[in-house]
Amino acid sequence: GNKMLYLQMNSLKPEDTAVYFCMIRN
């Protein structure tokens, strides 16, 4: 309805360090 996408990230590790990108229908 609000046209939002989420990513809940728990128990984060150093190897999760990165730039995170959202992709919606290309």
mmCIF file of all heavy atoms, coordinates in Angstrom:
data_MODEL
# 
_entry.id   MODEL 
# 
loop_
_atom_site.group_PDB 
_atom_site.id 
_atom_site.type_symbol 
_atom_site.label_atom_id 
_atom_site.label_alt_id 
_atom_site.label_comp_id 
_atom_site.label_asym_id 
_atom_site.label_entity_id 
_atom_site.label_seq_id 
_atom_site.pdbx_PDB_ins_code 
_atom_site.Cartn_x 
_atom_site.Cartn_y 
_atom_site.Cartn_z 
_atom_site.occupancy 
_atom_site.B_iso_or_equiv 
_atom_site.pdbx_formal_charge 
_atom_site.auth_seq_id 
_atom_site.auth_comp_id 
_atom_site.auth_asym_id 
_atom_site.auth_atom_id 
_atom_site.pdbx_PDB_model_num 
ATOM 1   N N   . GLY A 1 1  ? 0.807  -1.210  0.000   1.00 0.00 ? 1  GLY A N   1 
ATOM 2   C CA  . GLY A 1 1  ? 0.000  0.000   0.000   1.00 0.00 ? 1  GLY A CA  1 
ATOM 3   C C   . GLY A 1 1  ? 0.843  1.264   0.000   1.00 0.00 ? 1  GLY A C   1 
ATOM 4   O O   . GLY A 1 1  ? 0.555  2.215   -0.730  1.00 0.00 ? 1  GLY A O   1 
ATOM 5   N N   . ASN A 1 2  ? 1.898  1.273   0.820   1.00 0.00 ? 2  ASN A N   1 
ATOM 6   C CA  . ASN A 1 2  ? 2.794  2.426   0.902   1.00 0.00 ? 2  ASN A CA  1 
ATOM 7   C C   . ASN A 1 2  ? 3.970  2.328   -0.058  1.00 0.00 ? 2  ASN A C   1 
ATOM 8   O O   . ASN A 1 2  ? 4.806  3.234   -0.100  1.00 0.00 ? 2  ASN A O   1 
ATOM 9   C CB  . ASN A 1 2  ? 3.307  2.597   2.331   1.00 0.00 ? 2  ASN A CB  1 
ATOM 10  C CG  . ASN A 1 2  ? 2.223  3.031   3.292   1.00 0.00 ? 2  ASN A CG  1 
ATOM 11  O OD1 . ASN A 1 2  ? 1.388  3.863   2.959   1.00 0.00 ? 2  ASN A OD1 1 
ATOM 12  N ND2 . ASN A 1 2  ? 2.232  2.460   4.491   1.00 0.00 ? 2  ASN A ND2 1 
ATOM 13  N N   . LYS A 1 3  ? 4.039  1.244   -0.800  1.00 0.00 ? 3  LYS A N   1 
ATOM 14  C CA  . LYS A 1 3  ? 5.085  1.021   -1.799  1.00 0.00 ? 3  LYS A CA  1 
ATOM 15  C C   . LYS A 1 3  ? 6.480  1.149   -1.192  1.00 0.00 ? 3  LYS A C   1 
ATOM 16  O O   . LYS A 1 3  ? 7.324  1.898   -1.675  1.00 0.00 ? 3  LYS A O   1 
ATOM 17  C CB  . LYS A 1 3  ? 4.885  1.962   -2.979  1.00 0.00 ? 3  LYS A CB  1 
ATOM 18  C CG  . LYS A 1 3  ? 3.559  1.747   -3.681  1.00 0.00 ? 3  LYS A CG  1 
ATOM 19  C CD  . LYS A 1 3  ? 3.376  2.658   -4.876  1.00 0.00 ? 3  LYS A CD  1 
ATOM 20  C CE  . LYS A 1 3  ? 2.050  2.385   -5.570  1.00 0.00 ? 3  LYS A CE  1 
ATOM 21  N NZ  . LYS A 1 3  ? 1.833  3.261   -6.741  1.00 0.00 ? 3  LYS A NZ  1 
ATOM 22  N N   . MET A 1 4  ? 6.695  0.390   -0.112  1.00 0.00 ? 4  MET A N   1 
ATOM 23  C CA  . MET A 1 4  ? 7.969  0.377   0.579   1.00 0.00 ? 4  MET A CA  1 
ATOM 24  C C   . MET A 1 4  ? 8.503  -1.052  0.675   1.00 0.00 ? 4  MET A C   1 
ATOM 25  O O   . MET A 1 4  ? 7.738  -2.000  0.872   1.00 0.00 ? 4  MET A O   1 
ATOM 26  C CB  . MET A 1 4  ? 7.836  0.947   1.988   1.00 0.00 ? 4  MET A CB  1 
ATOM 27  C CG  . MET A 1 4  ? 7.446  2.417   2.034   1.00 0.00 ? 4  MET A CG  1 
ATOM 28  S SD  . MET A 1 4  ? 8.813  3.506   1.557   1.00 0.00 ? 4  MET A SD  1 
ATOM 29  C CE  . MET A 1 4  ? 9.926  3.257   2.937   1.00 0.00 ? 4  MET A CE  1 
ATOM 30  N N   . LEU A 1 5  ? 9.800  -1.196  0.543   1.00 0.00 ? 5  LEU A N   1 
ATOM 31  C CA  . LEU A 1 5  ? 10.495 -2.466  0.696   1.00 0.00 ? 5  LEU A CA  1 
ATOM 32  C C   . LEU A 1 5  ? 11.477 -2.339  1.857   1.00 0.00 ? 5  LEU A C   1 
ATOM 33  O O   . LEU A 1 5  ? 12.159 -1.320  1.982   1.00 0.00 ? 5  LEU A O   1 
ATOM 34  C CB  . LEU A 1 5  ? 11.233 -2.829  -0.593  1.00 0.00 ? 5  LEU A CB  1 
ATOM 35  C CG  . LEU A 1 5  ? 11.870 -4.209  -0.670  1.00 0.00 ? 5  LEU A CG  1 
ATOM 36  C CD1 . LEU A 1 5  ? 10.794 -5.291  -0.752  1.00 0.00 ? 5  LEU A CD1 1 
ATOM 37  C CD2 . LEU A 1 5  ? 12.796 -4.293  -1.880  1.00 0.00 ? 5  LEU A CD2 1 
ATOM 38  N N   . TYR A 1 6  ? 11.558 -3.382  2.690   1.00 0.00 ? 6  TYR A N   1 
ATOM 39  C CA  . TYR A 1 6  ? 12.396 -3.331  3.880   1.00 0.00 ? 6  TYR A CA  1 
ATOM 40  C C   . TYR A 1 6  ? 13.344 -4.516  3.951   1.00 0.00 ? 6  TYR A C   1 
ATOM 41  O O   . TYR A 1 6  ? 13.085 -5.588  3.410   1.00 0.00 ? 6  TYR A O   1 
ATOM 42  C CB  . TYR A 1 6  ? 11.535 -3.330  5.150   1.00 0.00 ? 6  TYR A CB  1 
ATOM 43  C CG  . TYR A 1 6  ? 10.543 -2.199  5.226   1.00 0.00 ? 6  TYR A CG  1 
ATOM 44  C CD1 . TYR A 1 6  ? 9.210  -2.403  4.876   1.00 0.00 ? 6  TYR A CD1 1 
ATOM 45  C CD2 . TYR A 1 6  ? 10.935 -0.935  5.646   1.00 0.00 ? 6  TYR A CD2 1 
ATOM 46  C CE1 . TYR A 1 6  ? 8.295  -1.371  4.947   1.00 0.00 ? 6  TYR A CE1 1 
ATOM 47  C CE2 . TYR A 1 6  ? 10.026 0.105   5.719   1.00 0.00 ? 6  TYR A CE2 1 
ATOM 48  C CZ  . TYR A 1 6  ? 8.705  -0.119  5.372   1.00 0.00 ? 6  TYR A CZ  1 
ATOM 49  O OH  . TYR A 1 6  ? 7.798  0.904   5.442   1.00 0.00 ? 6  TYR A OH  1 
ATOM 50  N N   . LEU A 1 7  ? 14.438 -4.309  4.663   1.00 0.00 ? 7  LEU A N   1 
ATOM 51  C CA  . LEU A 1 7  ? 15.361 -5.390  4.982   1.00 0.00 ? 7  LEU A CA  1 
ATOM 52  C C   . LEU A 1 7  ? 15.758 -5.259  6.443   1.00 0.00 ? 7  LEU A C   1 
ATOM 53  O O   . LEU A 1 7  ? 16.462 -4.319  6.812   1.00 0.00 ? 7  LEU A O   1 
ATOM 54  C CB  . LEU A 1 7  ? 16.605 -5.352  4.099   1.00 0.00 ? 7  LEU A CB  1 
ATOM 55  C CG  . LEU A 1 7  ? 17.617 -6.478  4.345   1.00 0.00 ? 7  LEU A CG  1 
ATOM 56  C CD1 . LEU A 1 7  ? 17.033 -7.817  3.901   1.00 0.00 ? 7  LEU A CD1 1 
ATOM 57  C CD2 . LEU A 1 7  ? 18.935 -6.199  3.626   1.00 0.00 ? 7  LEU A CD2 1 
ATOM 58  N N   . GLN A 1 8  ? 15.275 -6.182  7.273   1.00 0.00 ? 8  GLN A N   1 
ATOM 59  C CA  . GLN A 1 8  ? 15.662 -6.227  8.673   1.00 0.00 ? 8  GLN A CA  1 
ATOM 60  C C   . GLN A 1 8  ? 16.917 -7.071  8.800   1.00 0.00 ? 8  GLN A C   1 
ATOM 61  O O   . GLN A 1 8  ? 16.924 -8.236  8.399   1.00 0.00 ? 8  GLN A O   1 
ATOM 62  C CB  . GLN A 1 8  ? 14.543 -6.819  9.534   1.00 0.00 ? 8  GLN A CB  1 
ATOM 63  C CG  . GLN A 1 8  ? 14.880 -6.928  11.013  1.00 0.00 ? 8  GLN A CG  1 
ATOM 64  C CD  . GLN A 1 8  ? 15.042 -5.583  11.680  1.00 0.00 ? 8  GLN A CD  1 
ATOM 65  O OE1 . GLN A 1 8  ? 14.215 -4.696  11.499  1.00 0.00 ? 8  GLN A OE1 1 
ATOM 66  N NE2 . GLN A 1 8  ? 16.112 -5.420  12.448  1.00 0.00 ? 8  GLN A NE2 1 
ATOM 67  N N   . MET A 1 9  ? 17.975 -6.496  9.362   1.00 0.00 ? 9  MET A N   1 
ATOM 68  C CA  . MET A 1 9  ? 19.259 -7.165  9.489   1.00 0.00 ? 9  MET A CA  1 
ATOM 69  C C   . MET A 1 9  ? 19.600 -7.310  10.965  1.00 0.00 ? 9  MET A C   1 
ATOM 70  O O   . MET A 1 9  ? 19.766 -6.314  11.671  1.00 0.00 ? 9  MET A O   1 
ATOM 71  C CB  . MET A 1 9  ? 20.357 -6.386  8.767   1.00 0.00 ? 9  MET A CB  1 
ATOM 72  C CG  . MET A 1 9  ? 20.046 -6.112  7.302   1.00 0.00 ? 9  MET A CG  1 
ATOM 73  S SD  . MET A 1 9  ? 21.431 -5.317  6.441   1.00 0.00 ? 9  MET A SD  1 
ATOM 74  C CE  . MET A 1 9  ? 21.473 -3.740  7.305   1.00 0.00 ? 9  MET A CE  1 
ATOM 75  N N   . ASN A 1 10 ? 19.709 -8.550  11.426  1.00 0.00 ? 10 ASN A N   1 
ATOM 76  C CA  . ASN A 1 10 ? 20.045 -8.852  12.809  1.00 0.00 ? 10 ASN A CA  1 
ATOM 77  C C   . ASN A 1 10 ? 21.353 -9.622  12.877  1.00 0.00 ? 10 ASN A C   1 
ATOM 78  O O   . ASN A 1 10 ? 21.807 -10.190 11.895  1.00 0.00 ? 10 ASN A O   1 
ATOM 79  C CB  . ASN A 1 10 ? 18.932 -9.670  13.469  1.00 0.00 ? 10 ASN A CB  1 
ATOM 80  C CG  . ASN A 1 10 ? 17.604 -8.949  13.520  1.00 0.00 ? 10 ASN A CG  1 
ATOM 81  O OD1 . ASN A 1 10 ? 17.546 -7.731  13.679  1.00 0.00 ? 10 ASN A OD1 1 
ATOM 82  N ND2 . ASN A 1 10 ? 16.514 -9.705  13.402  1.00 0.00 ? 10 ASN A ND2 1 
ATOM 83  N N   . SER A 1 11 ? 21.936 -9.646  14.063  1.00 0.00 ? 11 SER A N   1 
ATOM 84  C CA  . SER A 1 11 ? 23.184 -10.379 14.296  1.00 0.00 ? 11 SER A CA  1 
ATOM 85  C C   . SER A 1 11 ? 24.233 -10.041 13.252  1.00 0.00 ? 11 SER A C   1 
ATOM 86  O O   . SER A 1 11 ? 24.866 -10.920 12.660  1.00 0.00 ? 11 SER A O   1 
ATOM 87  C CB  . SER A 1 11 ? 22.910 -11.892 14.315  1.00 0.00 ? 11 SER A CB  1 
ATOM 88  O OG  . SER A 1 11 ? 21.964 -12.228 15.309  1.00 0.00 ? 11 SER A OG  1 
ATOM 89  N N   . LEU A 1 12 ? 24.433 -8.768  13.026  1.00 0.00 ? 12 LEU A N   1 
ATOM 90  C CA  . LEU A 1 12 ? 25.329 -8.317  11.968  1.00 0.00 ? 12 LEU A CA  1 
ATOM 91  C C   . LEU A 1 12 ? 26.780 -8.704  12.253  1.00 0.00 ? 12 LEU A C   1 
ATOM 92  O O   . LEU A 1 12 ? 27.230 -8.698  13.403  1.00 0.00 ? 12 LEU A O   1 
ATOM 93  C CB  . LEU A 1 12 ? 25.211 -6.812  11.786  1.00 0.00 ? 12 LEU A CB  1 
ATOM 94  C CG  . LEU A 1 12 ? 23.952 -6.380  11.034  1.00 0.00 ? 12 LEU A CG  1 
ATOM 95  C CD1 . LEU A 1 12 ? 23.665 -4.902  11.263  1.00 0.00 ? 12 LEU A CD1 1 
ATOM 96  C CD2 . LEU A 1 12 ? 24.107 -6.666  9.543   1.00 0.00 ? 12 LEU A CD2 1 
ATOM 97  N N   . LYS A 1 13 ? 27.491 -9.023  11.188  1.00 0.00 ? 13 LYS A N   1 
ATOM 98  C CA  . LYS A 1 13 ? 28.883 -9.432  11.242  1.00 0.00 ? 13 LYS A CA  1 
ATOM 99  C C   . LYS A 1 13 ? 29.734 -8.465  10.432  1.00 0.00 ? 13 LYS A C   1 
ATOM 100 O O   . LYS A 1 13 ? 29.226 -7.815  9.516   1.00 0.00 ? 13 LYS A O   1 
ATOM 101 C CB  . LYS A 1 13 ? 29.044 -10.849 10.679  1.00 0.00 ? 13 LYS A CB  1 
ATOM 102 C CG  . LYS A 1 13 ? 28.163 -11.897 11.332  1.00 0.00 ? 13 LYS A CG  1 
ATOM 103 C CD  . LYS A 1 13 ? 28.300 -13.237 10.617  1.00 0.00 ? 13 LYS A CD  1 
ATOM 104 C CE  . LYS A 1 13 ? 27.420 -14.295 11.253  1.00 0.00 ? 13 LYS A CE  1 
ATOM 105 N NZ  . LYS A 1 13 ? 27.541 -15.602 10.540  1.00 0.00 ? 13 LYS A NZ  1 
ATOM 106 N N   . PRO A 1 14 ? 31.029 -8.379  10.723  1.00 0.00 ? 14 PRO A N   1 
ATOM 107 C CA  . PRO A 1 14 ? 31.897 -7.501  9.929   1.00 0.00 ? 14 PRO A CA  1 
ATOM 108 C C   . PRO A 1 14 ? 31.839 -7.787  8.437   1.00 0.00 ? 14 PRO A C   1 
ATOM 109 O O   . PRO A 1 14 ? 31.938 -6.854  7.632   1.00 0.00 ? 14 PRO A O   1 
ATOM 110 C CB  . PRO A 1 14 ? 33.291 -7.783  10.506  1.00 0.00 ? 14 PRO A CB  1 
ATOM 111 C CG  . PRO A 1 14 ? 33.022 -8.157  11.923  1.00 0.00 ? 14 PRO A CG  1 
ATOM 112 C CD  . PRO A 1 14 ? 31.737 -8.953  11.881  1.00 0.00 ? 14 PRO A CD  1 
ATOM 113 N N   . GLU A 1 15 ? 31.665 -9.041  8.053   1.00 0.00 ? 15 GLU A N   1 
ATOM 114 C CA  . GLU A 1 15 ? 31.602 -9.390  6.645   1.00 0.00 ? 15 GLU A CA  1 
ATOM 115 C C   . GLU A 1 15 ? 30.324 -8.922  5.956   1.00 0.00 ? 15 GLU A C   1 
ATOM 116 O O   . GLU A 1 15 ? 30.195 -9.044  4.736   1.00 0.00 ? 15 GLU A O   1 
ATOM 117 C CB  . GLU A 1 15 ? 31.780 -10.905 6.432   1.00 0.00 ? 15 GLU A CB  1 
ATOM 118 C CG  . GLU A 1 15 ? 30.851 -11.758 7.270   1.00 0.00 ? 15 GLU A CG  1 
ATOM 119 C CD  . GLU A 1 15 ? 31.512 -12.268 8.541   1.00 0.00 ? 15 GLU A CD  1 
ATOM 120 O OE1 . GLU A 1 15 ? 32.222 -11.485 9.198   1.00 0.00 ? 15 GLU A OE1 1 
ATOM 121 O OE2 . GLU A 1 15 ? 31.324 -13.462 8.867   1.00 0.00 ? 15 GLU A OE2 1 
ATOM 122 N N   . ASP A 1 16 ? 29.370 -8.397  6.721   1.00 0.00 ? 16 ASP A N   1 
ATOM 123 C CA  . ASP A 1 16 ? 28.177 -7.797  6.133   1.00 0.00 ? 16 ASP A CA  1 
ATOM 124 C C   . ASP A 1 16 ? 28.434 -6.374  5.645   1.00 0.00 ? 16 ASP A C   1 
ATOM 125 O O   . ASP A 1 16 ? 27.559 -5.772  5.015   1.00 0.00 ? 16 ASP A O   1 
ATOM 126 C CB  . ASP A 1 16 ? 27.021 -7.782  7.138   1.00 0.00 ? 16 ASP A CB  1 
ATOM 127 C CG  . ASP A 1 16 ? 26.535 -9.173  7.503   1.00 0.00 ? 16 ASP A CG  1 
ATOM 128 O OD1 . ASP A 1 16 ? 26.422 -10.020 6.600   1.00 0.00 ? 16 ASP A OD1 1 
ATOM 129 O OD2 . ASP A 1 16 ? 26.257 -9.405  8.697   1.00 0.00 ? 16 ASP A OD2 1 
ATOM 130 N N   . THR A 1 17 ? 29.602 -5.831  5.950   1.00 0.00 ? 17 THR A N   1 
ATOM 131 C CA  . THR A 1 17 ? 29.945 -4.481  5.518   1.00 0.00 ? 17 THR A CA  1 
ATOM 132 C C   . THR A 1 17 ? 29.928 -4.387  3.998   1.00 0.00 ? 17 THR A C   1 
ATOM 133 O O   . THR A 1 17 ? 30.619 -5.141  3.308   1.00 0.00 ? 17 THR A O   1 
ATOM 134 C CB  . THR A 1 17 ? 31.321 -4.075  6.050   1.00 0.00 ? 17 THR A CB  1 
ATOM 135 O OG1 . THR A 1 17 ? 31.289 -4.030  7.478   1.00 0.00 ? 17 THR A OG1 1 
ATOM 136 C CG2 . THR A 1 17 ? 31.725 -2.708  5.520   1.00 0.00 ? 17 THR A CG2 1 
ATOM 137 N N   . ALA A 1 18 ? 29.122 -3.464  3.474   1.00 0.00 ? 18 ALA A N   1 
ATOM 138 C CA  . ALA A 1 18 ? 28.961 -3.328  2.030   1.00 0.00 ? 18 ALA A CA  1 
ATOM 139 C C   . ALA A 1 18 ? 28.039 -2.156  1.739   1.00 0.00 ? 18 ALA A C   1 
ATOM 140 O O   . ALA A 1 18 ? 27.421 -1.595  2.647   1.00 0.00 ? 18 ALA A O   1 
ATOM 141 C CB  . ALA A 1 18 ? 28.377 -4.608  1.425   1.00 0.00 ? 18 ALA A CB  1 
ATOM 142 N N   . VAL A 1 19 ? 27.946 -1.811  0.471   1.00 0.00 ? 19 VAL A N   1 
ATOM 143 C CA  . VAL A 1 19 ? 26.908 -0.900  0.010   1.00 0.00 ? 19 VAL A CA  1 
ATOM 144 C C   . VAL A 1 19 ? 25.712 -1.750  -0.391  1.00 0.00 ? 19 VAL A C   1 
ATOM 145 O O   . VAL A 1 19 ? 25.847 -2.685  -1.186  1.00 0.00 ? 19 VAL A O   1 
ATOM 146 C CB  . VAL A 1 19 ? 27.371 -0.037  -1.171  1.00 0.00 ? 19 VAL A CB  1 
ATOM 147 C CG1 . VAL A 1 19 ? 26.241 0.862   -1.660  1.00 0.00 ? 19 VAL A CG1 1 
ATOM 148 C CG2 . VAL A 1 19 ? 28.573 0.807   -0.769  1.00 0.00 ? 19 VAL A CG2 1 
ATOM 149 N N   . TYR A 1 20 ? 24.556 -1.433  0.159   1.00 0.00 ? 20 TYR A N   1 
ATOM 150 C CA  . TYR A 1 20 ? 23.344 -2.196  -0.098  1.00 0.00 ? 20 TYR A CA  1 
ATOM 151 C C   . TYR A 1 20 ? 22.445 -1.450  -1.076  1.00 0.00 ? 20 TYR A C   1 
ATOM 152 O O   . TYR A 1 20 ? 22.171 -0.260  -0.902  1.00 0.00 ? 20 TYR A O   1 
ATOM 153 C CB  . TYR A 1 20 ? 22.592 -2.454  1.213   1.00 0.00 ? 20 TYR A CB  1 
ATOM 154 C CG  . TYR A 1 20 ? 23.242 -3.520  2.067   1.00 0.00 ? 20 TYR A CG  1 
ATOM 155 C CD1 . TYR A 1 20 ? 24.453 -3.274  2.703   1.00 0.00 ? 20 TYR A CD1 1 
ATOM 156 C CD2 . TYR A 1 20 ? 22.650 -4.768  2.214   1.00 0.00 ? 20 TYR A CD2 1 
ATOM 157 C CE1 . TYR A 1 20 ? 25.068 -4.254  3.465   1.00 0.00 ? 20 TYR A CE1 1 
ATOM 158 C CE2 . TYR A 1 20 ? 23.257 -5.750  2.982   1.00 0.00 ? 20 TYR A CE2 1 
ATOM 159 C CZ  . TYR A 1 20 ? 24.467 -5.490  3.605   1.00 0.00 ? 20 TYR A CZ  1 
ATOM 160 O OH  . TYR A 1 20 ? 25.073 -6.464  4.369   1.00 0.00 ? 20 TYR A OH  1 
ATOM 161 N N   . PHE A 1 21 ? 21.995 -2.169  -2.095  1.00 0.00 ? 21 PHE A N   1 
ATOM 162 C CA  . PHE A 1 21 ? 21.187 -1.599  -3.155  1.00 0.00 ? 21 PHE A CA  1 
ATOM 163 C C   . PHE A 1 21 ? 19.793 -2.205  -3.175  1.00 0.00 ? 21 PHE A C   1 
ATOM 164 O O   . PHE A 1 21 ? 19.631 -3.409  -2.986  1.00 0.00 ? 21 PHE A O   1 
ATOM 165 C CB  . PHE A 1 21 ? 21.825 -1.839  -4.523  1.00 0.00 ? 21 PHE A CB  1 
ATOM 166 C CG  . PHE A 1 21 ? 23.184 -1.231  -4.681  1.00 0.00 ? 21 PHE A CG  1 
ATOM 167 C CD1 . PHE A 1 21 ? 24.314 -1.944  -4.320  1.00 0.00 ? 21 PHE A CD1 1 
ATOM 168 C CD2 . PHE A 1 21 ? 23.337 0.042   -5.191  1.00 0.00 ? 21 PHE A CD2 1 
ATOM 169 C CE1 . PHE A 1 21 ? 25.576 -1.405  -4.464  1.00 0.00 ? 21 PHE A CE1 1 
ATOM 170 C CE2 . PHE A 1 21 ? 24.596 0.601   -5.347  1.00 0.00 ? 21 PHE A CE2 1 
ATOM 171 C CZ  . PHE A 1 21 ? 25.717 -0.122  -4.981  1.00 0.00 ? 21 PHE A CZ  1 
ATOM 172 N N   . CYS A 1 22 ? 18.806 -1.368  -3.426  1.00 0.00 ? 22 CYS A N   1 
ATOM 173 C CA  . CYS A 1 22 ? 17.435 -1.803  -3.609  1.00 0.00 ? 22 CYS A CA  1 
ATOM 174 C C   . CYS A 1 22 ? 17.143 -1.916  -5.102  1.00 0.00 ? 22 CYS A C   1 
ATOM 175 O O   . CYS A 1 22 ? 17.517 -1.039  -5.888  1.00 0.00 ? 22 CYS A O   1 
ATOM 176 C CB  . CYS A 1 22 ? 16.485 -0.797  -2.955  1.00 0.00 ? 22 CYS A CB  1 
ATOM 177 S SG  . CYS A 1 22 ? 14.733 -1.076  -3.258  1.00 0.00 ? 22 CYS A SG  1 
ATOM 178 N N   . MET A 1 23 ? 16.487 -2.998  -5.493  1.00 0.00 ? 23 MET A N   1 
ATOM 179 C CA  . MET A 1 23 ? 16.089 -3.189  -6.882  1.00 0.00 ? 23 MET A CA  1 
ATOM 180 C C   . MET A 1 23 ? 14.606 -3.524  -6.937  1.00 0.00 ? 23 MET A C   1 
ATOM 181 O O   . MET A 1 23 ? 14.147 -4.450  -6.268  1.00 0.00 ? 23 MET A O   1 
ATOM 182 C CB  . MET A 1 23 ? 16.900 -4.321  -7.518  1.00 0.00 ? 23 MET A CB  1 
ATOM 183 C CG  . MET A 1 23 ? 16.668 -4.507  -9.022  1.00 0.00 ? 23 MET A CG  1 
ATOM 184 S SD  . MET A 1 23 ? 15.161 -5.451  -9.438  1.00 0.00 ? 23 MET A SD  1 
ATOM 185 C CE  . MET A 1 23 ? 15.618 -7.090  -8.878  1.00 0.00 ? 23 MET A CE  1 
ATOM 186 N N   . ILE A 1 24 ? 13.866 -2.771  -7.721  1.00 0.00 ? 24 ILE A N   1 
ATOM 187 C CA  . ILE A 1 24 ? 12.440 -2.990  -7.889  1.00 0.00 ? 24 ILE A CA  1 
ATOM 188 C C   . ILE A 1 24 ? 12.118 -3.003  -9.375  1.00 0.00 ? 24 ILE A C   1 
ATOM 189 O O   . ILE A 1 24 ? 12.275 -1.984  -10.058 1.00 0.00 ? 24 ILE A O   1 
ATOM 190 C CB  . ILE A 1 24 ? 11.603 -1.921  -7.172  1.00 0.00 ? 24 ILE A CB  1 
ATOM 191 C CG1 . ILE A 1 24 ? 11.874 -1.947  -5.666  1.00 0.00 ? 24 ILE A CG1 1 
ATOM 192 C CG2 . ILE A 1 24 ? 10.117 -2.137  -7.453  1.00 0.00 ? 24 ILE A CG2 1 
ATOM 193 C CD1 . ILE A 1 24 ? 11.163 -0.861  -4.890  1.00 0.00 ? 24 ILE A CD1 1 
ATOM 194 N N   . ARG A 1 25 ? 11.728 -4.140  -9.869  1.00 0.00 ? 25 ARG A N   1 
ATOM 195 C CA  . ARG A 1 25 ? 11.335 -4.300  -11.268 1.00 0.00 ? 25 ARG A CA  1 
ATOM 196 C C   . ARG A 1 25 ? 12.391 -3.686  -12.201 1.00 0.00 ? 25 ARG A C   1 
ATOM 197 O O   . ARG A 1 25 ? 12.072 -2.907  -13.096 1.00 0.00 ? 25 ARG A O   1 
ATOM 198 C CB  . ARG A 1 25 ? 9.956  -3.681  -11.497 1.00 0.00 ? 25 ARG A CB  1 
ATOM 199 C CG  . ARG A 1 25 ? 8.879  -4.316  -10.624 1.00 0.00 ? 25 ARG A CG  1 
ATOM 200 C CD  . ARG A 1 25 ? 7.576  -3.545  -10.677 1.00 0.00 ? 25 ARG A CD  1 
ATOM 201 N NE  . ARG A 1 25 ? 6.901  -3.708  -11.960 1.00 0.00 ? 25 ARG A NE  1 
ATOM 202 C CZ  . ARG A 1 25 ? 6.034  -4.668  -12.225 1.00 0.00 ? 25 ARG A CZ  1 
ATOM 203 N NH1 . ARG A 1 25 ? 5.727  -5.577  -11.314 1.00 0.00 ? 25 ARG A NH1 1 
ATOM 204 N NH2 . ARG A 1 25 ? 5.461  -4.720  -13.420 1.00 0.00 ? 25 ARG A NH2 1 
ATOM 205 N N   . ASN A 1 26 ? 13.642 -4.040  -11.958 1.00 0.00 ? 26 ASN A N   1 
ATOM 206 C CA  . ASN A 1 26 ? 14.796 -3.635  -12.755 1.00 0.00 ? 26 ASN A CA  1 
ATOM 207 C C   . ASN A 1 26 ? 15.173 -2.160  -12.628 1.00 0.00 ? 26 ASN A C   1 
ATOM 208 O O   . ASN A 1 26 ? 15.942 -1.637  -13.437 1.00 0.00 ? 26 ASN A O   1 
ATOM 209 C CB  . ASN A 1 26 ? 14.599 -4.002  -14.227 1.00 0.00 ? 26 ASN A CB  1 
ATOM 210 C CG  . ASN A 1 26 ? 14.558 -5.507  -14.441 1.00 0.00 ? 26 ASN A CG  1 
ATOM 211 O OD1 . ASN A 1 26 ? 15.318 -6.246  -13.826 1.00 0.00 ? 26 ASN A OD1 1 
ATOM 212 N ND2 . ASN A 1 26 ? 13.673 -5.951  -15.314 1.00 0.00 ? 26 ASN A ND2 1 
# 
